[in-house]
Amino acid sequence: MLHKCEHVLQSDDLQLGFKKNSSCSHALFVLTATIEHFITHGSYAYMASLDATKAFDRVHHVKLFQKLIY
């Protein structure tokens, strides 16, 4: 799917998920290094997270795939 669509997909360089040569390990490293940097320099680090596990449970998958293909 990525091979067919990568020429039209754009993402920010700060996005780590769902990209070639990137993984959850990269995201965890960046998060850990950022928190460590702020704490080392006497500041606070705040974080928000979103659990999108069930975000697509009610999606009509056939229609979604048709939209992605065309």
C-alpha atoms as a PDB file:
ATOM      1  CA  MET A   1       0.000   0.000   0.000  1.00  0.00           C
ATOM      2  CA  LEU A   2       2.801   2.418   0.923  1.00  0.00           C
ATOM      3  CA  HIS A   3       4.581   1.667  -2.334  1.00  0.00           C
ATOM      4  CA  LYS A   4       1.462   2.635  -4.328  1.00  0.00           C
ATOM      5  CA  CYS A   5       0.711   5.811  -2.377  1.00  0.00           C
ATOM      6  CA  GLU A   6       4.036   7.159  -1.127  1.00  0.00           C
ATOM      7  CA  HIS A   7       4.334   9.676  -3.986  1.00  0.00           C
ATOM      8  CA  VAL A   8       1.175  11.491  -2.798  1.00  0.00           C
ATOM      9  CA  LEU A   9       1.612  11.124   0.954  1.00  0.00           C
ATOM     10  CA  GLN A  10       3.321  13.865   2.898  1.00  0.00           C
ATOM     11  CA  SER A  11       4.190  13.922   6.565  1.00  0.00           C
ATOM     12  CA  ASP A  12       6.136  16.072   8.940  1.00  0.00           C
ATOM     13  CA  ASP A  13       9.743  15.144   9.683  1.00  0.00           C
ATOM     14  CA  LEU A  14       8.762  15.001  13.365  1.00  0.00           C
ATOM     15  CA  GLN A  15       6.291  12.183  12.725  1.00  0.00           C
ATOM     16  CA  LEU A  16       7.819   8.858  13.711  1.00  0.00           C
ATOM     17  CA  GLY A  17       5.023   6.338  13.252  1.00  0.00           C
ATOM     18  CA  PHE A  18       3.928   4.779   9.970  1.00  0.00           C
ATOM     19  CA  LYS A  19       7.037   5.909   8.109  1.00  0.00           C
ATOM     20  CA  LYS A  20       9.827   4.089   6.348  1.00  0.00           C
ATOM     21  CA  ASN A  21      12.946   3.610   8.539  1.00  0.00           C
ATOM     22  CA  SER A  22      11.103   4.639  11.693  1.00  0.00           C
ATOM     23  CA  SER A  23       9.603   2.684  14.554  1.00  0.00           C
ATOM     24  CA  CYS A  24       8.211   2.769  18.053  1.00  0.00           C
ATOM     25  CA  SER A  25      11.780   2.431  19.340  1.00  0.00           C
ATOM     26  CA  HIS A  26      12.692   5.726  17.665  1.00  0.00           C
ATOM     27  CA  ALA A  27       9.718   7.464  19.268  1.00  0.00           C
ATOM     28  CA  LEU A  28      10.603   6.095  22.714  1.00  0.00           C
ATOM     29  CA  PHE A  29      14.213   7.200  22.326  1.00  0.00           C
ATOM     30  CA  VAL A  30      13.176  10.744  21.352  1.00  0.00           C
ATOM     31  CA  LEU A  31      10.707  10.921  24.249  1.00  0.00           C
ATOM     32  CA  THR A  32      13.240   9.647  26.780  1.00  0.00           C
ATOM     33  CA  ALA A  33      16.010  11.941  25.527  1.00  0.00           C
ATOM     34  CA  THR A  34      13.687  14.967  25.597  1.00  0.00           C
ATOM     35  CA  ILE A  35      12.507  14.300  29.146  1.00  0.00           C
ATOM     36  CA  GLU A  36      16.077  13.676  30.297  1.00  0.00           C
ATOM     37  CA  HIS A  37      17.232  16.958  28.702  1.00  0.00           C
ATOM     38  CA  PHE A  38      14.579  19.064  30.449  1.00  0.00           C
ATOM     39  CA  ILE A  39      15.039  17.385  33.831  1.00  0.00           C
ATOM     40  CA  THR A  40      18.839  17.703  33.618  1.00  0.00           C
ATOM     41  CA  HIS A  41      18.459  21.423  32.943  1.00  0.00           C
ATOM     42  CA  GLY A  42      16.132  21.960  35.920  1.00  0.00           C
ATOM     43  CA  SER A  43      12.915  22.290  33.984  1.00  0.00           C
ATOM     44  CA  TYR A  44       9.683  20.356  33.774  1.00  0.00           C
ATOM     45  CA  ALA A  45       8.526  18.079  30.991  1.00  0.00           C
ATOM     46  CA  TYR A  46       4.826  17.680  30.206  1.00  0.00           C
ATOM     47  CA  MET A  47       3.377  15.044  27.940  1.00  0.00           C
ATOM     48  CA  ALA A  48      -0.012  14.209  26.479  1.00  0.00           C
ATOM     49  CA  SER A  49      -0.831  10.962  24.765  1.00  0.00           C
ATOM     50  CA  LEU A  50      -3.717   9.644  22.713  1.00  0.00           C
ATOM     51  CA  ASP A  51      -4.814   6.029  22.668  1.00  0.00           C
ATOM     52  CA  ALA A  52      -6.321   5.471  19.226  1.00  0.00           C
ATOM     53  CA  THR A  53      -6.560   1.694  19.589  1.00  0.00           C
ATOM     54  CA  LYS A  54     -10.260   1.514  18.747  1.00  0.00           C
ATOM     55  CA  ALA A  55     -10.343   4.545  16.461  1.00  0.00           C
ATOM     56  CA  PHE A  56     -11.271   2.518  13.375  1.00  0.00           C
ATOM     57  CA  ASP A  57     -13.617  -0.084  14.861  1.00  0.00           C
ATOM     58  CA  ARG A  58     -16.687   1.404  13.198  1.00  0.00           C
ATOM     59  CA  VAL A  59     -15.154   2.177   9.828  1.00  0.00           C
ATOM     60  CA  HIS A  60     -16.616   0.512   6.744  1.00  0.00           C
ATOM     61  CA  HIS A  61     -13.328  -1.087   5.682  1.00  0.00           C
ATOM     62  CA  VAL A  62     -14.373  -1.906   2.113  1.00  0.00           C
ATOM     63  CA  LYS A  63     -15.232   1.756   1.449  1.00  0.00           C
ATOM     64  CA  LEU A  64     -12.027   2.885   3.158  1.00  0.00           C
ATOM     65  CA  PHE A  65      -9.915   0.622   0.946  1.00  0.00           C
ATOM     66  CA  GLN A  66     -11.798   1.797  -2.161  1.00  0.00           C
ATOM     67  CA  LYS A  67     -11.031   5.419  -1.258  1.00  0.00           C
ATOM     68  CA  LEU A  68      -7.371   4.575  -0.676  1.00  0.00           C
ATOM     69  CA  ILE A  69      -7.053   2.755  -3.979  1.00  0.00           C
ATOM     70  CA  TYR A  70      -8.665   5.482  -6.140  1.00  0.00           C
END
